N, C-alpha and C. Protein backbone atom coordinates (compact mmCIF):
# COMPACT_ATOMS: atom_id res chain seq x y z
N MET A 1 6.22 -68.52 -94.62
CA MET A 1 5.02 -67.09 -94.12
C MET A 1 5.48 -65.91 -93.42
N ALA A 2 5.66 -64.95 -93.91
CA ALA A 2 6.42 -63.97 -92.69
C ALA A 2 5.39 -63.30 -91.52
N ASP A 3 6.12 -62.99 -90.72
CA ASP A 3 5.44 -63.20 -89.48
C ASP A 3 3.91 -62.40 -89.54
N ASN A 4 3.97 -61.45 -90.50
CA ASN A 4 2.69 -60.64 -90.16
C ASN A 4 1.51 -60.35 -91.83
N ASP A 5 1.98 -61.72 -92.30
CA ASP A 5 1.38 -62.08 -93.81
C ASP A 5 -0.16 -62.48 -93.61
N LEU A 6 -1.09 -61.31 -93.22
CA LEU A 6 -2.10 -61.63 -92.92
C LEU A 6 -3.37 -62.50 -93.50
N PHE A 7 -3.05 -62.38 -95.07
CA PHE A 7 -3.82 -63.27 -96.17
C PHE A 7 -3.47 -64.90 -95.48
N ALA A 8 -2.04 -64.93 -95.28
CA ALA A 8 -1.62 -66.76 -95.43
C ALA A 8 -2.03 -67.11 -93.94
N ALA A 9 -2.26 -66.50 -93.15
CA ALA A 9 -3.02 -66.47 -91.00
C ALA A 9 -4.54 -66.69 -91.81
N LEU A 10 -5.00 -66.02 -92.87
CA LEU A 10 -6.73 -66.20 -92.59
C LEU A 10 -6.56 -67.24 -93.81
N ALA A 11 -5.98 -67.73 -94.37
CA ALA A 11 -5.83 -69.34 -95.31
C ALA A 11 -6.19 -70.43 -94.55
N ASN A 12 -6.08 -70.53 -93.73
CA ASN A 12 -6.11 -71.64 -93.20
C ASN A 12 -7.65 -71.55 -92.26
N PRO A 13 -8.67 -72.72 -92.85
CA PRO A 13 -9.81 -72.71 -91.96
C PRO A 13 -10.05 -72.50 -90.54
N THR A 14 -8.90 -73.57 -89.86
CA THR A 14 -9.09 -73.85 -88.63
C THR A 14 -8.78 -72.62 -87.84
N ARG A 15 -8.20 -72.01 -88.32
CA ARG A 15 -7.47 -70.02 -87.87
C ARG A 15 -8.82 -69.31 -88.27
N ARG A 16 -9.53 -69.80 -89.31
CA ARG A 16 -10.78 -68.78 -88.79
C ARG A 16 -11.89 -68.74 -88.08
N ARG A 17 -11.94 -70.47 -87.90
CA ARG A 17 -12.86 -70.56 -86.52
C ARG A 17 -12.13 -70.62 -85.18
N ILE A 18 -11.28 -70.20 -85.31
CA ILE A 18 -10.44 -69.52 -83.67
C ILE A 18 -10.93 -68.50 -84.11
N LEU A 19 -10.64 -67.31 -85.23
CA LEU A 19 -11.37 -66.21 -84.89
C LEU A 19 -13.09 -65.62 -84.86
N GLU A 20 -13.64 -66.72 -85.04
CA GLU A 20 -15.17 -66.64 -85.07
C GLU A 20 -14.79 -66.93 -84.03
N MET A 21 -13.91 -67.49 -82.96
CA MET A 21 -14.79 -67.68 -81.31
C MET A 21 -14.28 -66.96 -80.86
N LEU A 22 -13.22 -66.30 -81.28
CA LEU A 22 -12.43 -64.91 -80.46
C LEU A 22 -13.64 -64.07 -80.25
N ARG A 23 -14.24 -63.87 -81.58
CA ARG A 23 -14.80 -62.61 -82.22
C ARG A 23 -16.41 -62.78 -80.97
N GLN A 24 -17.04 -63.78 -80.57
CA GLN A 24 -17.63 -63.76 -79.30
C GLN A 24 -17.10 -63.47 -78.17
N ARG A 25 -15.97 -64.32 -77.21
CA ARG A 25 -15.44 -63.32 -76.55
C ARG A 25 -14.00 -64.36 -76.46
N PRO A 26 -12.67 -62.99 -75.16
CA PRO A 26 -11.62 -63.78 -75.10
C PRO A 26 -11.75 -65.55 -74.35
N HIS A 27 -10.83 -66.32 -75.08
CA HIS A 27 -10.86 -67.12 -74.77
C HIS A 27 -9.55 -68.50 -74.24
N VAL A 28 -9.47 -68.83 -73.23
CA VAL A 28 -7.84 -69.65 -72.70
C VAL A 28 -8.01 -70.71 -73.41
N ALA A 29 -6.56 -70.85 -74.16
CA ALA A 29 -5.99 -71.70 -74.95
C ALA A 29 -6.66 -73.15 -74.87
N GLY A 30 -6.67 -73.50 -73.92
CA GLY A 30 -7.18 -75.01 -73.35
C GLY A 30 -8.43 -74.87 -74.01
N GLU A 31 -9.69 -73.77 -73.70
CA GLU A 31 -10.88 -74.05 -74.57
C GLU A 31 -10.87 -73.94 -76.11
N ILE A 32 -9.81 -73.25 -76.64
CA ILE A 32 -9.61 -72.83 -78.19
C ILE A 32 -9.51 -74.76 -78.50
N ALA A 33 -8.26 -75.58 -78.11
CA ALA A 33 -8.42 -76.86 -78.50
C ALA A 33 -8.99 -77.77 -78.19
N ALA A 34 -9.70 -77.54 -76.64
CA ALA A 34 -11.00 -78.44 -76.75
C ALA A 34 -11.94 -78.00 -78.12
N SER A 35 -11.93 -77.31 -78.59
CA SER A 35 -12.94 -77.13 -79.63
C SER A 35 -12.99 -77.79 -81.33
N PHE A 36 -11.28 -78.22 -80.87
CA PHE A 36 -10.91 -78.94 -82.29
C PHE A 36 -10.69 -80.32 -82.44
N ASP A 37 -10.31 -80.88 -83.19
CA ASP A 37 -10.25 -82.84 -83.06
C ASP A 37 -8.90 -82.48 -83.55
N VAL A 38 -7.70 -81.58 -83.53
CA VAL A 38 -6.59 -82.01 -83.45
C VAL A 38 -5.67 -81.60 -82.39
N ASN A 39 -4.37 -81.77 -82.19
CA ASN A 39 -3.42 -82.02 -81.21
C ASN A 39 -3.53 -80.41 -80.70
N ARG A 40 -3.63 -80.50 -79.40
CA ARG A 40 -2.61 -79.02 -78.92
C ARG A 40 -1.94 -78.17 -79.38
N PRO A 41 -0.71 -78.84 -79.38
CA PRO A 41 0.63 -78.60 -80.28
C PRO A 41 -0.26 -77.51 -81.82
N ALA A 42 -0.96 -78.65 -81.94
CA ALA A 42 -1.45 -78.07 -83.68
C ALA A 42 -2.07 -76.72 -83.11
N ILE A 43 -2.80 -76.59 -82.59
CA ILE A 43 -3.77 -75.97 -82.11
C ILE A 43 -2.46 -74.78 -81.49
N SER A 44 -1.42 -74.93 -80.95
CA SER A 44 -0.45 -73.58 -80.53
C SER A 44 -0.44 -73.38 -81.35
N GLU A 45 0.42 -73.73 -82.80
CA GLU A 45 1.14 -72.86 -83.79
C GLU A 45 0.24 -72.49 -84.46
N HIS A 46 -1.52 -72.46 -84.61
CA HIS A 46 -2.04 -72.02 -84.99
C HIS A 46 -2.51 -70.37 -84.28
N LEU A 47 -2.30 -70.53 -82.74
CA LEU A 47 -2.51 -69.22 -82.12
C LEU A 47 -1.10 -68.19 -82.52
N GLN A 48 -0.74 -69.35 -82.77
CA GLN A 48 1.45 -68.36 -82.85
C GLN A 48 1.01 -67.67 -84.63
N VAL A 49 0.56 -68.30 -85.51
CA VAL A 49 0.62 -67.51 -86.37
C VAL A 49 -0.47 -66.66 -86.39
N LEU A 50 -1.91 -66.67 -85.58
CA LEU A 50 -2.47 -65.60 -85.61
C LEU A 50 -1.93 -64.26 -85.04
N ARG A 51 -1.05 -64.83 -83.87
CA ARG A 51 -0.33 -63.78 -82.91
C ARG A 51 0.81 -62.90 -83.82
N LEU A 52 1.79 -63.48 -84.54
CA LEU A 52 2.17 -63.02 -85.78
C LEU A 52 2.25 -62.45 -86.72
N ALA A 53 0.47 -62.39 -86.89
CA ALA A 53 -0.33 -61.73 -87.70
C ALA A 53 -0.63 -60.27 -87.43
N GLY A 54 -0.58 -60.47 -85.99
CA GLY A 54 -1.49 -59.42 -85.18
C GLY A 54 -3.03 -59.69 -85.28
N LEU A 55 -3.72 -60.62 -85.39
CA LEU A 55 -4.72 -60.38 -85.62
C LEU A 55 -5.35 -61.22 -84.01
N THR A 56 -4.66 -61.33 -83.15
CA THR A 56 -4.59 -61.89 -81.25
C THR A 56 -3.71 -61.70 -81.24
N THR A 57 -4.06 -61.46 -79.81
CA THR A 57 -3.06 -60.63 -78.55
C THR A 57 -3.27 -61.64 -77.40
N GLU A 58 -2.07 -61.80 -76.88
CA GLU A 58 -2.42 -62.88 -75.72
C GLU A 58 -1.91 -62.23 -74.23
N VAL A 59 -2.76 -62.79 -73.01
CA VAL A 59 -2.16 -62.49 -72.55
C VAL A 59 -1.90 -63.28 -70.84
N SER A 60 -1.49 -63.49 -70.19
CA SER A 60 -0.70 -64.26 -69.62
C SER A 60 -1.76 -63.98 -68.32
N ARG A 61 -2.55 -65.04 -67.58
CA ARG A 61 -3.02 -64.96 -66.65
C ARG A 61 -3.11 -66.28 -65.93
N GLY A 62 -1.62 -65.91 -64.63
CA GLY A 62 -1.72 -67.30 -63.67
C GLY A 62 -0.84 -68.25 -65.01
N ARG A 63 -1.56 -69.53 -65.12
CA ARG A 63 -0.60 -70.83 -65.82
C ARG A 63 -1.51 -70.57 -66.98
N GLU A 64 -2.26 -69.84 -67.42
CA GLU A 64 -3.42 -69.77 -68.68
C GLU A 64 -3.15 -68.44 -69.59
N ARG A 65 -3.22 -69.07 -70.96
CA ARG A 65 -2.77 -68.01 -71.90
C ARG A 65 -4.42 -67.74 -71.76
N VAL A 66 -4.74 -66.18 -72.12
CA VAL A 66 -5.82 -65.93 -72.32
C VAL A 66 -5.71 -65.05 -73.63
N TYR A 67 -6.40 -65.81 -75.25
CA TYR A 67 -6.27 -64.77 -76.59
C TYR A 67 -7.36 -64.34 -76.41
N HIS A 68 -7.12 -62.82 -77.24
CA HIS A 68 -8.57 -61.96 -77.70
C HIS A 68 -8.01 -61.74 -79.00
N LEU A 69 -9.09 -61.20 -79.47
CA LEU A 69 -9.15 -60.78 -80.84
C LEU A 69 -8.52 -59.85 -81.48
N ASN A 70 -7.84 -59.38 -81.77
CA ASN A 70 -7.45 -57.96 -82.65
C ASN A 70 -8.47 -57.91 -83.65
N ALA A 71 -9.54 -56.86 -83.66
CA ALA A 71 -10.16 -56.18 -84.63
C ALA A 71 -9.56 -55.42 -85.74
N ALA A 72 -8.75 -54.95 -84.90
CA ALA A 72 -8.10 -53.01 -85.57
C ALA A 72 -7.76 -53.53 -86.68
N ARG A 73 -6.71 -54.99 -86.84
CA ARG A 73 -6.23 -56.02 -87.90
C ARG A 73 -6.87 -56.18 -88.81
N LEU A 74 -8.26 -56.57 -88.77
CA LEU A 74 -9.04 -57.16 -90.20
C LEU A 74 -9.54 -55.52 -90.30
N GLN A 75 -10.19 -54.58 -89.86
CA GLN A 75 -9.90 -53.31 -90.44
C GLN A 75 -9.27 -52.80 -91.40
N GLU A 76 -7.58 -53.14 -91.04
CA GLU A 76 -6.62 -52.90 -92.05
C GLU A 76 -7.24 -53.06 -93.63
N LEU A 77 -7.39 -55.12 -93.01
CA LEU A 77 -7.68 -55.31 -94.12
C LEU A 77 -9.16 -55.01 -95.06
N ALA A 78 -9.91 -54.97 -94.41
CA ALA A 78 -11.34 -54.52 -94.87
C ALA A 78 -11.14 -53.15 -95.57
N GLU A 79 -10.15 -51.98 -94.87
CA GLU A 79 -9.77 -50.76 -95.76
C GLU A 79 -8.82 -51.47 -97.23
N TRP A 80 -8.15 -52.17 -97.44
CA TRP A 80 -7.87 -52.06 -98.43
C TRP A 80 -8.50 -53.31 -99.15
N LEU A 81 -9.40 -53.78 -99.36
CA LEU A 81 -10.42 -54.42 -99.67
C LEU A 81 -11.16 -53.59 -100.58
N HIS A 82 -11.80 -52.51 -99.83
CA HIS A 82 -12.69 -51.45 -100.07
C HIS A 82 -12.74 -51.35 -101.19
N PRO A 83 -11.60 -50.58 -102.30
CA PRO A 83 -11.44 -50.25 -103.80
C PRO A 83 -11.84 -52.05 -104.63
N PHE A 84 -11.67 -52.73 -104.38
CA PHE A 84 -11.98 -54.02 -104.96
C PHE A 84 -13.54 -54.22 -104.46
N GLU A 85 -14.09 -53.92 -103.77
CA GLU A 85 -15.43 -53.88 -103.98
C GLU A 85 -16.23 -53.08 -104.54
N GLN A 86 -15.60 -51.60 -104.68
CA GLN A 86 -15.94 -50.58 -105.35
C GLN A 86 -16.34 -51.21 -107.27
N TYR A 87 -14.85 -51.98 -107.47
CA TYR A 87 -14.81 -52.26 -108.55
C TYR A 87 -15.75 -53.65 -109.13
N TRP A 88 -16.30 -54.35 -108.31
CA TRP A 88 -17.03 -55.51 -108.90
C TRP A 88 -18.34 -54.47 -108.62
N ALA A 89 -18.88 -53.89 -107.49
CA ALA A 89 -20.23 -53.01 -108.06
C ALA A 89 -20.01 -52.61 -108.89
N GLN A 90 -19.35 -52.03 -109.98
CA GLN A 90 -18.89 -51.04 -111.13
C GLN A 90 -19.30 -52.62 -112.02
N ARG A 91 -19.14 -53.63 -112.12
CA ARG A 91 -19.02 -54.51 -112.80
C ARG A 91 -20.10 -54.73 -113.33
N LEU A 92 -20.77 -55.01 -112.04
CA LEU A 92 -22.31 -56.01 -111.51
C LEU A 92 -23.08 -54.97 -112.03
N ASP A 93 -23.12 -53.42 -111.86
CA ASP A 93 -23.76 -52.39 -112.19
C ASP A 93 -24.06 -52.54 -113.87
N ALA A 94 -22.57 -52.79 -114.26
CA ALA A 94 -22.63 -52.67 -115.84
C ALA A 94 -23.18 -53.89 -117.16
N LEU A 95 -23.24 -55.01 -115.83
CA LEU A 95 -24.07 -56.26 -116.30
C LEU A 95 -25.63 -55.96 -116.37
N THR A 96 -25.85 -55.30 -115.22
CA THR A 96 -27.22 -55.57 -115.10
C THR A 96 -27.51 -54.39 -116.37
N ASP A 97 -27.09 -53.36 -116.48
CA ASP A 97 -27.02 -52.79 -117.37
C ASP A 97 -27.87 -53.92 -118.90
N VAL A 98 -26.57 -54.68 -119.18
CA VAL A 98 -26.75 -55.04 -120.29
C VAL A 98 -27.49 -56.13 -120.39
N LEU A 99 -28.05 -56.81 -119.34
CA LEU A 99 -29.06 -57.82 -119.30
C LEU A 99 -30.37 -56.87 -118.91
N ASN A 100 -30.13 -55.43 -118.84
CA ASN A 100 -31.84 -54.66 -118.84
C ASN A 100 -32.40 -54.54 -120.34
N LYS A 101 -30.85 -54.53 -120.92
CA LYS A 101 -30.62 -53.72 -122.56
C LYS A 101 -31.72 -54.89 -123.52
N ASP A 102 -30.94 -56.34 -123.06
CA ASP A 102 -31.68 -57.42 -123.65
C ASP A 102 -33.12 -57.78 -123.30
N SER A 103 -33.48 -57.78 -122.46
CA SER A 103 -34.37 -57.97 -122.10
C SER A 103 -35.48 -56.97 -122.58
N THR A 104 -35.46 -56.25 -123.13
CA THR A 104 -36.18 -54.71 -123.41
C THR A 104 -36.33 -55.18 -125.25
């Protein structure tokens, strides 16, 4: 996986859950790890993938690392996906038109 591969980072359900946690507020690494039934090294790897993809930032606070959501990276994704939303909206409108013609 490339260091900044946003889609690969988001493909993993554990990483998506971590992002959901960070959406609420920043968390220290230990808090994040305690929320999962996997070992700390596995969570550490997930956090690294998120950081390399630009989805999180980390700040050292003494011996702890505090992780923050970088929502700007998700905005980039939303902007990229927007044309696809328009495509599906047009397709669904066309389907509605066909269904309405058949019901008359």
